[in-house]
ModelCIF file with pLDDT and N, C-alpha, C, O atoms, coordinates in Angstrom:
data_MODEL
#
_entry.id   MODEL 
#
_entity.id                         1 
_entity.type                       polymer 
_entity.pdbx_number_of_molecules   1 
#
_entity_poly.entity_id                      1 
_entity_poly.type                           'polypeptide(L)' 
_entity_poly.nstd_linkage                   no 
_entity_poly.nstd_monomer                   no 
_entity_poly.pdbx_seq_one_letter_code       YQNNLKYICRGARPSICLQQALITSDNKENGRFRLDDD 
_entity_poly.pdbx_seq_one_letter_code_can   YQNNLKYICRGARPSICLQQALITSDNKENGRFRLDDD 
_entity_poly.pdbx_strand_id                 A 
#
loop_
_entity_poly_seq.entity_id 
_entity_poly_seq.num 
_entity_poly_seq.mon_id 
_entity_poly_seq.hetero 
1 1  TYR n 
1 2  GLN n 
1 3  ASN n 
1 4  ASN n 
1 5  LEU n 
1 6  LYS n 
1 7  TYR n 
1 8  ILE n 
1 9  CYS n 
1 10 ARG n 
1 11 GLY n 
1 12 ALA n 
1 13 ARG n 
1 14 PRO n 
1 15 SER n 
1 16 ILE n 
1 17 CYS n 
1 18 LEU n 
1 19 GLN n 
1 20 GLN n 
1 21 ALA n 
1 22 LEU n 
1 23 ILE n 
1 24 THR n 
1 25 SER n 
1 26 ASP n 
1 27 ASN n 
1 28 LYS n 
1 29 GLU n 
1 30 ASN n 
1 31 GLY n 
1 32 ARG n 
1 33 PHE n 
1 34 ARG n 
1 35 LEU n 
1 36 ASP n 
1 37 ASP n 
1 38 ASP n 
#
_struct_asym.id          A 
_struct_asym.entity_id   1 
#
loop_
_ma_qa_metric.id 
_ma_qa_metric.mode 
_ma_qa_metric.name 
_ma_qa_metric.software_group_id 
_ma_qa_metric.type 
1 global pLDDT . pLDDT 
2 local  pLDDT . pLDDT 
#
_ma_qa_metric_global.metric_id      1 
_ma_qa_metric_global.metric_value   95.61 
_ma_qa_metric_global.model_id       1 
_ma_qa_metric_global.ordinal_id     1 
#
loop_
_ma_qa_metric_local.label_asym_id 
_ma_qa_metric_local.label_comp_id 
_ma_qa_metric_local.label_seq_id 
_ma_qa_metric_local.metric_id 
_ma_qa_metric_local.metric_value 
_ma_qa_metric_local.model_id 
_ma_qa_metric_local.ordinal_id 
A TYR 1  2 96.00 1 1  
A GLN 2  2 95.00 1 2  
A ASN 3  2 95.00 1 3  
A ASN 4  2 97.00 1 4  
A LEU 5  2 97.00 1 5  
A LYS 6  2 98.00 1 6  
A TYR 7  2 98.00 1 7  
A ILE 8  2 98.00 1 8  
A CYS 9  2 98.00 1 9  
A ARG 10 2 97.00 1 10 
A GLY 11 2 95.00 1 11 
A ALA 12 2 94.00 1 12 
A ARG 13 2 94.00 1 13 
A PRO 14 2 95.00 1 14 
A SER 15 2 93.00 1 15 
A ILE 16 2 93.00 1 16 
A CYS 17 2 95.00 1 17 
A LEU 18 2 95.00 1 18 
A GLN 19 2 94.00 1 19 
A GLN 20 2 95.00 1 20 
A ALA 21 2 97.00 1 21 
A LEU 22 2 97.00 1 22 
A ILE 23 2 97.00 1 23 
A THR 24 2 97.00 1 24 
A SER 25 2 96.00 1 25 
A ASP 26 2 95.00 1 26 
A ASN 27 2 92.00 1 27 
A LYS 28 2 90.00 1 28 
A GLU 29 2 93.00 1 29 
A ASN 30 2 94.00 1 30 
A GLY 31 2 94.00 1 31 
A ARG 32 2 97.00 1 32 
A PHE 33 2 97.00 1 33 
A ARG 34 2 97.00 1 34 
A LEU 35 2 98.00 1 35 
A ASP 36 2 97.00 1 36 
A ASP 37 2 97.00 1 37 
A ASP 38 2 96.00 1 38 
#
loop_
_atom_site.group_PDB 
_atom_site.id 
_atom_site.type_symbol 
_atom_site.label_atom_id 
_atom_site.label_alt_id 
_atom_site.label_comp_id 
_atom_site.label_asym_id 
_atom_site.label_entity_id 
_atom_site.label_seq_id 
_atom_site.pdbx_PDB_ins_code 
_atom_site.Cartn_x 
_atom_site.Cartn_y 
_atom_site.Cartn_z 
_atom_site.occupancy 
_atom_site.B_iso_or_equiv 
_atom_site.pdbx_formal_charge 
_atom_site.auth_seq_id 
_atom_site.auth_comp_id 
_atom_site.auth_asym_id 
_atom_site.auth_atom_id 
_atom_site.pdbx_PDB_model_num 
ATOM 1   N N  . TYR A 1 1  ? -50.134 -13.588 22.544 1.00 96.00 ? 1  TYR A N  1 
ATOM 2   C CA . TYR A 1 1  ? -49.783 -12.892 23.800 1.00 96.00 ? 1  TYR A CA 1 
ATOM 3   C C  . TYR A 1 1  ? -50.362 -11.641 23.890 1.00 96.00 ? 1  TYR A C  1 
ATOM 4   O O  . TYR A 1 1  ? -49.745 -10.723 24.430 1.00 96.00 ? 1  TYR A O  1 
ATOM 5   N N  . GLN A 1 2  ? -51.339 -11.504 23.485 1.00 95.00 ? 2  GLN A N  1 
ATOM 6   C CA . GLN A 1 2  ? -52.531 -10.278 23.420 1.00 95.00 ? 2  GLN A CA 1 
ATOM 7   C C  . GLN A 1 2  ? -52.547 -9.930  24.967 1.00 95.00 ? 2  GLN A C  1 
ATOM 8   O O  . GLN A 1 2  ? -52.077 -8.834  25.276 1.00 95.00 ? 2  GLN A O  1 
ATOM 9   N N  . ASN A 1 3  ? -52.944 -10.587 25.775 1.00 95.00 ? 3  ASN A N  1 
ATOM 10  C CA . ASN A 1 3  ? -53.176 -10.346 27.055 1.00 95.00 ? 3  ASN A CA 1 
ATOM 11  C C  . ASN A 1 3  ? -52.221 -10.740 28.023 1.00 95.00 ? 3  ASN A C  1 
ATOM 12  O O  . ASN A 1 3  ? -52.558 -11.089 29.154 1.00 95.00 ? 3  ASN A O  1 
ATOM 13  N N  . ASN A 1 4  ? -50.901 -10.697 27.588 1.00 97.00 ? 4  ASN A N  1 
ATOM 14  C CA . ASN A 1 4  ? -49.885 -11.325 28.421 1.00 97.00 ? 4  ASN A CA 1 
ATOM 15  C C  . ASN A 1 4  ? -49.139 -9.778  28.863 1.00 97.00 ? 4  ASN A C  1 
ATOM 16  O O  . ASN A 1 4  ? -49.313 -8.820  28.109 1.00 97.00 ? 4  ASN A O  1 
ATOM 17  N N  . LEU A 1 5  ? -48.461 -9.651  29.895 1.00 97.00 ? 5  LEU A N  1 
ATOM 18  C CA . LEU A 1 5  ? -47.583 -8.767  30.508 1.00 97.00 ? 5  LEU A CA 1 
ATOM 19  C C  . LEU A 1 5  ? -46.614 -8.072  29.569 1.00 97.00 ? 5  LEU A C  1 
ATOM 20  O O  . LEU A 1 5  ? -45.692 -8.853  29.333 1.00 97.00 ? 5  LEU A O  1 
ATOM 21  N N  . LYS A 1 6  ? -46.476 -7.069  29.022 1.00 98.00 ? 6  LYS A N  1 
ATOM 22  C CA . LYS A 1 6  ? -45.318 -6.446  28.360 1.00 98.00 ? 6  LYS A CA 1 
ATOM 23  C C  . LYS A 1 6  ? -44.302 -5.731  29.071 1.00 98.00 ? 6  LYS A C  1 
ATOM 24  O O  . LYS A 1 6  ? -44.682 -5.216  30.123 1.00 98.00 ? 6  LYS A O  1 
ATOM 25  N N  . TYR A 1 7  ? -43.148 -5.582  28.764 1.00 98.00 ? 7  TYR A N  1 
ATOM 26  C CA . TYR A 1 7  ? -42.152 -4.574  29.545 1.00 98.00 ? 7  TYR A CA 1 
ATOM 27  C C  . TYR A 1 7  ? -41.004 -4.519  28.763 1.00 98.00 ? 7  TYR A C  1 
ATOM 28  O O  . TYR A 1 7  ? -40.741 -5.309  27.857 1.00 98.00 ? 7  TYR A O  1 
ATOM 29  N N  . ILE A 1 8  ? -40.145 -3.332  29.214 1.00 98.00 ? 8  ILE A N  1 
ATOM 30  C CA . ILE A 1 8  ? -38.923 -3.095  28.502 1.00 98.00 ? 8  ILE A CA 1 
ATOM 31  C C  . ILE A 1 8  ? -37.776 -3.002  29.659 1.00 98.00 ? 8  ILE A C  1 
ATOM 32  O O  . ILE A 1 8  ? -38.080 -2.773  30.829 1.00 98.00 ? 8  ILE A O  1 
ATOM 33  N N  . CYS A 1 9  ? -36.715 -3.157  29.321 1.00 98.00 ? 9  CYS A N  1 
ATOM 34  C CA . CYS A 1 9  ? -35.594 -3.130  30.097 1.00 98.00 ? 9  CYS A CA 1 
ATOM 35  C C  . CYS A 1 9  ? -34.323 -2.810  29.435 1.00 98.00 ? 9  CYS A C  1 
ATOM 36  O O  . CYS A 1 9  ? -34.263 -3.070  28.233 1.00 98.00 ? 9  CYS A O  1 
ATOM 37  N N  . ARG A 1 10 ? -33.222 -2.253  30.047 1.00 97.00 ? 10 ARG A N  1 
ATOM 38  C CA . ARG A 1 10 ? -32.117 -1.898  29.294 1.00 97.00 ? 10 ARG A CA 1 
ATOM 39  C C  . ARG A 1 10 ? -31.146 -3.438  29.732 1.00 97.00 ? 10 ARG A C  1 
ATOM 40  O O  . ARG A 1 10 ? -31.344 -4.282  30.606 1.00 97.00 ? 10 ARG A O  1 
ATOM 41  N N  . GLY A 1 11 ? -30.132 -3.312  28.748 1.00 95.00 ? 11 GLY A N  1 
ATOM 42  C CA . GLY A 1 11 ? -29.128 -4.635  28.636 1.00 95.00 ? 11 GLY A CA 1 
ATOM 43  C C  . GLY A 1 11 ? -29.490 -5.600  28.092 1.00 95.00 ? 11 GLY A C  1 
ATOM 44  O O  . GLY A 1 11 ? -30.491 -5.433  27.395 1.00 95.00 ? 11 GLY A O  1 
ATOM 45  N N  . ALA A 1 12 ? -28.883 -7.049  28.131 1.00 94.00 ? 12 ALA A N  1 
ATOM 46  C CA . ALA A 1 12 ? -28.857 -7.894  27.281 1.00 94.00 ? 12 ALA A CA 1 
ATOM 47  C C  . ALA A 1 12 ? -29.253 -9.217  28.178 1.00 94.00 ? 12 ALA A C  1 
ATOM 48  O O  . ALA A 1 12 ? -29.283 -10.315 27.621 1.00 94.00 ? 12 ALA A O  1 
ATOM 49  N N  . ARG A 1 13 ? -29.495 -9.116  29.294 1.00 94.00 ? 13 ARG A N  1 
ATOM 50  C CA . ARG A 1 13 ? -30.044 -10.370 30.153 1.00 94.00 ? 13 ARG A CA 1 
ATOM 51  C C  . ARG A 1 13 ? -31.505 -10.650 30.428 1.00 94.00 ? 13 ARG A C  1 
ATOM 52  O O  . ARG A 1 13 ? -32.200 -10.067 31.259 1.00 94.00 ? 13 ARG A O  1 
ATOM 53  N N  . PRO A 1 14 ? -31.838 -11.533 29.689 1.00 95.00 ? 14 PRO A N  1 
ATOM 54  C CA . PRO A 1 14 ? -33.351 -11.752 30.011 1.00 95.00 ? 14 PRO A CA 1 
ATOM 55  C C  . PRO A 1 14 ? -33.723 -12.219 31.384 1.00 95.00 ? 14 PRO A C  1 
ATOM 56  O O  . PRO A 1 14 ? -34.900 -12.077 31.718 1.00 95.00 ? 14 PRO A O  1 
ATOM 57  N N  . SER A 1 15 ? -32.855 -12.772 32.247 1.00 93.00 ? 15 SER A N  1 
ATOM 58  C CA . SER A 1 15 ? -33.055 -13.399 33.495 1.00 93.00 ? 15 SER A CA 1 
ATOM 59  C C  . SER A 1 15 ? -33.402 -12.429 34.480 1.00 93.00 ? 15 SER A C  1 
ATOM 60  O O  . SER A 1 15 ? -34.127 -12.705 35.435 1.00 93.00 ? 15 SER A O  1 
ATOM 61  N N  . ILE A 1 16 ? -32.765 -10.976 34.224 1.00 93.00 ? 16 ILE A N  1 
ATOM 62  C CA . ILE A 1 16 ? -33.122 -10.084 35.102 1.00 93.00 ? 16 ILE A CA 1 
ATOM 63  C C  . ILE A 1 16 ? -33.889 -8.781  34.849 1.00 93.00 ? 16 ILE A C  1 
ATOM 64  O O  . ILE A 1 16 ? -33.930 -7.738  35.503 1.00 93.00 ? 16 ILE A O  1 
ATOM 65  N N  . CYS A 1 17 ? -34.557 -9.195  33.564 1.00 95.00 ? 17 CYS A N  1 
ATOM 66  C CA . CYS A 1 17 ? -35.124 -7.937  32.711 1.00 95.00 ? 17 CYS A CA 1 
ATOM 67  C C  . CYS A 1 17 ? -36.486 -7.374  33.448 1.00 95.00 ? 17 CYS A C  1 
ATOM 68  O O  . CYS A 1 17 ? -36.669 -6.210  33.807 1.00 95.00 ? 17 CYS A O  1 
ATOM 69  N N  . LEU A 1 18 ? -37.458 -8.552  33.598 1.00 95.00 ? 18 LEU A N  1 
ATOM 70  C CA . LEU A 1 18 ? -38.581 -8.135  34.244 1.00 95.00 ? 18 LEU A CA 1 
ATOM 71  C C  . LEU A 1 18 ? -38.331 -7.210  35.586 1.00 95.00 ? 18 LEU A C  1 
ATOM 72  O O  . LEU A 1 18 ? -38.856 -6.114  35.784 1.00 95.00 ? 18 LEU A O  1 
ATOM 73  N N  . GLN A 1 19 ? -37.431 -7.879  36.445 1.00 94.00 ? 19 GLN A N  1 
ATOM 74  C CA . GLN A 1 19 ? -37.150 -7.208  37.772 1.00 94.00 ? 19 GLN A CA 1 
ATOM 75  C C  . GLN A 1 19 ? -36.580 -5.945  37.576 1.00 94.00 ? 19 GLN A C  1 
ATOM 76  O O  . GLN A 1 19 ? -36.698 -5.127  38.488 1.00 94.00 ? 19 GLN A O  1 
ATOM 77  N N  . GLN A 1 20 ? -35.962 -5.625  36.518 1.00 95.00 ? 20 GLN A N  1 
ATOM 78  C CA . GLN A 1 20 ? -35.348 -4.147  36.211 1.00 95.00 ? 20 GLN A CA 1 
ATOM 79  C C  . GLN A 1 20 ? -36.143 -3.458  35.117 1.00 95.00 ? 20 GLN A C  1 
ATOM 80  O O  . GLN A 1 20 ? -35.604 -2.524  34.523 1.00 95.00 ? 20 GLN A O  1 
ATOM 81  N N  . ALA A 1 21 ? -37.427 -3.847  34.782 1.00 97.00 ? 21 ALA A N  1 
ATOM 82  C CA . ALA A 1 21 ? -38.161 -3.049  33.911 1.00 97.00 ? 21 ALA A CA 1 
ATOM 83  C C  . ALA A 1 21 ? -38.396 -1.560  34.209 1.00 97.00 ? 21 ALA A C  1 
ATOM 84  O O  . ALA A 1 21 ? -38.836 -1.065  35.247 1.00 97.00 ? 21 ALA A O  1 
ATOM 85  N N  . LEU A 1 22 ? -37.965 -0.885  32.952 1.00 97.00 ? 22 LEU A N  1 
ATOM 86  C CA . LEU A 1 22 ? -38.151 0.483   32.984 1.00 97.00 ? 22 LEU A CA 1 
ATOM 87  C C  . LEU A 1 22 ? -39.782 0.986   33.136 1.00 97.00 ? 22 LEU A C  1 
ATOM 88  O O  . LEU A 1 22 ? -40.166 1.988   33.739 1.00 97.00 ? 22 LEU A O  1 
ATOM 89  N N  . ILE A 1 23 ? -40.526 0.104   32.490 1.00 97.00 ? 23 ILE A N  1 
ATOM 90  C CA . ILE A 1 23 ? -41.936 0.431   32.512 1.00 97.00 ? 23 ILE A CA 1 
ATOM 91  C C  . ILE A 1 23 ? -42.619 -0.902  31.949 1.00 97.00 ? 23 ILE A C  1 
ATOM 92  O O  . ILE A 1 23 ? -42.116 -1.560  31.037 1.00 97.00 ? 23 ILE A O  1 
ATOM 93  N N  . THR A 1 24 ? -43.830 -1.233  32.595 1.00 97.00 ? 24 THR A N  1 
ATOM 94  C CA . THR A 1 24 ? -44.751 -2.531  31.898 1.00 97.00 ? 24 THR A CA 1 
ATOM 95  C C  . THR A 1 24 ? -46.111 -1.893  31.566 1.00 97.00 ? 24 THR A C  1 
ATOM 96  O O  . THR A 1 24 ? -46.479 -0.730  31.733 1.00 97.00 ? 24 THR A O  1 
ATOM 97  N N  . SER A 1 25 ? -46.712 -2.869  31.092 1.00 96.00 ? 25 SER A N  1 
ATOM 98  C CA . SER A 1 25 ? -48.137 -2.641  30.626 1.00 96.00 ? 25 SER A CA 1 
ATOM 99  C C  . SER A 1 25 ? -49.071 -2.532  31.647 1.00 96.00 ? 25 SER A C  1 
ATOM 100 O O  . SER A 1 25 ? -50.165 -2.037  31.372 1.00 96.00 ? 25 SER A O  1 
ATOM 101 N N  . ASP A 1 26 ? -48.789 -2.978  32.997 1.00 95.00 ? 26 ASP A N  1 
ATOM 102 C CA . ASP A 1 26 ? -49.461 -2.898  34.226 1.00 95.00 ? 26 ASP A CA 1 
ATOM 103 C C  . ASP A 1 26 ? -49.344 -1.080  34.511 1.00 95.00 ? 26 ASP A C  1 
ATOM 104 O O  . ASP A 1 26 ? -50.262 -0.363  34.911 1.00 95.00 ? 26 ASP A O  1 
ATOM 105 N N  . ASN A 1 27 ? -48.062 -0.690  34.198 1.00 92.00 ? 27 ASN A N  1 
ATOM 106 C CA . ASN A 1 27 ? -47.906 0.661   34.677 1.00 92.00 ? 27 ASN A CA 1 
ATOM 107 C C  . ASN A 1 27 ? -47.426 1.340   33.608 1.00 92.00 ? 27 ASN A C  1 
ATOM 108 O O  . ASN A 1 27 ? -46.211 1.410   33.421 1.00 92.00 ? 27 ASN A O  1 
ATOM 109 N N  . LYS A 1 28 ? -48.480 2.028   32.630 1.00 90.00 ? 28 LYS A N  1 
ATOM 110 C CA . LYS A 1 28 ? -48.211 2.455   31.375 1.00 90.00 ? 28 LYS A CA 1 
ATOM 111 C C  . LYS A 1 28 ? -47.327 3.706   31.607 1.00 90.00 ? 28 LYS A C  1 
ATOM 112 O O  . LYS A 1 28 ? -46.620 3.869   30.612 1.00 90.00 ? 28 LYS A O  1 
ATOM 113 N N  . GLU A 1 29 ? -47.110 4.627   32.530 1.00 93.00 ? 29 GLU A N  1 
ATOM 114 C CA . GLU A 1 29 ? -46.348 5.716   32.475 1.00 93.00 ? 29 GLU A CA 1 
ATOM 115 C C  . GLU A 1 29 ? -45.395 5.753   33.483 1.00 93.00 ? 29 GLU A C  1 
ATOM 116 O O  . GLU A 1 29 ? -45.742 5.367   34.599 1.00 93.00 ? 29 GLU A O  1 
ATOM 117 N N  . ASN A 1 30 ? -44.254 6.147   33.302 1.00 94.00 ? 30 ASN A N  1 
ATOM 118 C CA . ASN A 1 30 ? -43.207 6.094   34.271 1.00 94.00 ? 30 ASN A CA 1 
ATOM 119 C C  . ASN A 1 30 ? -42.012 7.083   34.194 1.00 94.00 ? 30 ASN A C  1 
ATOM 120 O O  . ASN A 1 30 ? -40.869 6.730   33.902 1.00 94.00 ? 30 ASN A O  1 
ATOM 121 N N  . GLY A 1 31 ? -42.393 8.382   34.492 1.00 94.00 ? 31 GLY A N  1 
ATOM 122 C CA . GLY A 1 31 ? -41.489 9.520   34.335 1.00 94.00 ? 31 GLY A CA 1 
ATOM 123 C C  . GLY A 1 31 ? -41.228 9.795   32.698 1.00 94.00 ? 31 GLY A C  1 
ATOM 124 O O  . GLY A 1 31 ? -42.198 10.252  32.094 1.00 94.00 ? 31 GLY A O  1 
ATOM 125 N N  . ARG A 1 32 ? -40.262 9.606   32.091 1.00 97.00 ? 32 ARG A N  1 
ATOM 126 C CA . ARG A 1 32 ? -39.908 9.880   30.680 1.00 97.00 ? 32 ARG A CA 1 
ATOM 127 C C  . ARG A 1 32 ? -40.331 8.744   29.758 1.00 97.00 ? 32 ARG A C  1 
ATOM 128 O O  . ARG A 1 32 ? -40.218 8.856   28.537 1.00 97.00 ? 32 ARG A O  1 
ATOM 129 N N  . PHE A 1 33 ? -40.887 7.499   30.423 1.00 97.00 ? 33 PHE A N  1 
ATOM 130 C CA . PHE A 1 33 ? -41.443 6.370   29.642 1.00 97.00 ? 33 PHE A CA 1 
ATOM 131 C C  . PHE A 1 33 ? -42.889 6.191   29.646 1.00 97.00 ? 33 PHE A C  1 
ATOM 132 O O  . PHE A 1 33 ? -43.570 6.430   30.643 1.00 97.00 ? 33 PHE A O  1 
ATOM 133 N N  . ARG A 1 34 ? -43.380 5.757   28.497 1.00 97.00 ? 34 ARG A N  1 
ATOM 134 C CA . ARG A 1 34 ? -44.721 5.566   28.084 1.00 97.00 ? 34 ARG A CA 1 
ATOM 135 C C  . ARG A 1 34 ? -45.032 4.499   27.452 1.00 97.00 ? 34 ARG A C  1 
ATOM 136 O O  . ARG A 1 34 ? -44.649 4.587   26.285 1.00 97.00 ? 34 ARG A O  1 
ATOM 137 N N  . LEU A 1 35 ? -45.654 3.329   27.721 1.00 98.00 ? 35 LEU A N  1 
ATOM 138 C CA . LEU A 1 35 ? -46.108 2.297   27.032 1.00 98.00 ? 35 LEU A CA 1 
ATOM 139 C C  . LEU A 1 35 ? -47.474 2.180   26.364 1.00 98.00 ? 35 LEU A C  1 
ATOM 140 O O  . LEU A 1 35 ? -48.466 2.572   26.979 1.00 98.00 ? 35 LEU A O  1 
ATOM 141 N N  . ASP A 1 36 ? -47.581 1.674   25.162 1.00 97.00 ? 36 ASP A N  1 
ATOM 142 C CA . ASP A 1 36 ? -48.856 1.581   24.730 1.00 97.00 ? 36 ASP A CA 1 
ATOM 143 C C  . ASP A 1 36 ? -48.902 0.318   23.990 1.00 97.00 ? 36 ASP A C  1 
ATOM 144 O O  . ASP A 1 36 ? -47.868 -0.095  23.464 1.00 97.00 ? 36 ASP A O  1 
ATOM 145 N N  . ASP A 1 37 ? -50.107 -0.400  23.888 1.00 97.00 ? 37 ASP A N  1 
ATOM 146 C CA . ASP A 1 37 ? -49.963 -1.793  23.426 1.00 97.00 ? 37 ASP A CA 1 
ATOM 147 C C  . ASP A 1 37 ? -51.340 -2.021  22.605 1.00 97.00 ? 37 ASP A C  1 
ATOM 148 O O  . ASP A 1 37 ? -52.482 -2.186  23.035 1.00 97.00 ? 37 ASP A O  1 
ATOM 149 N N  . ASP A 1 38 ? -50.879 -1.977  21.359 1.00 96.00 ? 38 ASP A N  1 
ATOM 150 C CA . ASP A 1 38 ? -51.854 -2.107  20.207 1.00 96.00 ? 38 ASP A CA 1 
ATOM 151 C C  . ASP A 1 38 ? -52.118 -3.464  20.021 1.00 96.00 ? 38 ASP A C  1 
ATOM 152 O O  . ASP A 1 38 ? -52.890 -3.827  19.133 1.00 96.00 ? 38 ASP A O  1 
#
């Protein structure tokens, strides 16, 4: 999954996680959040 989209969300429901993502690897900075992919 090296080249796949990564993201993080709050809560425990996978079905809505991407729609409610706090930040994704396509948008690496969002306010207080920063995503880095090694």
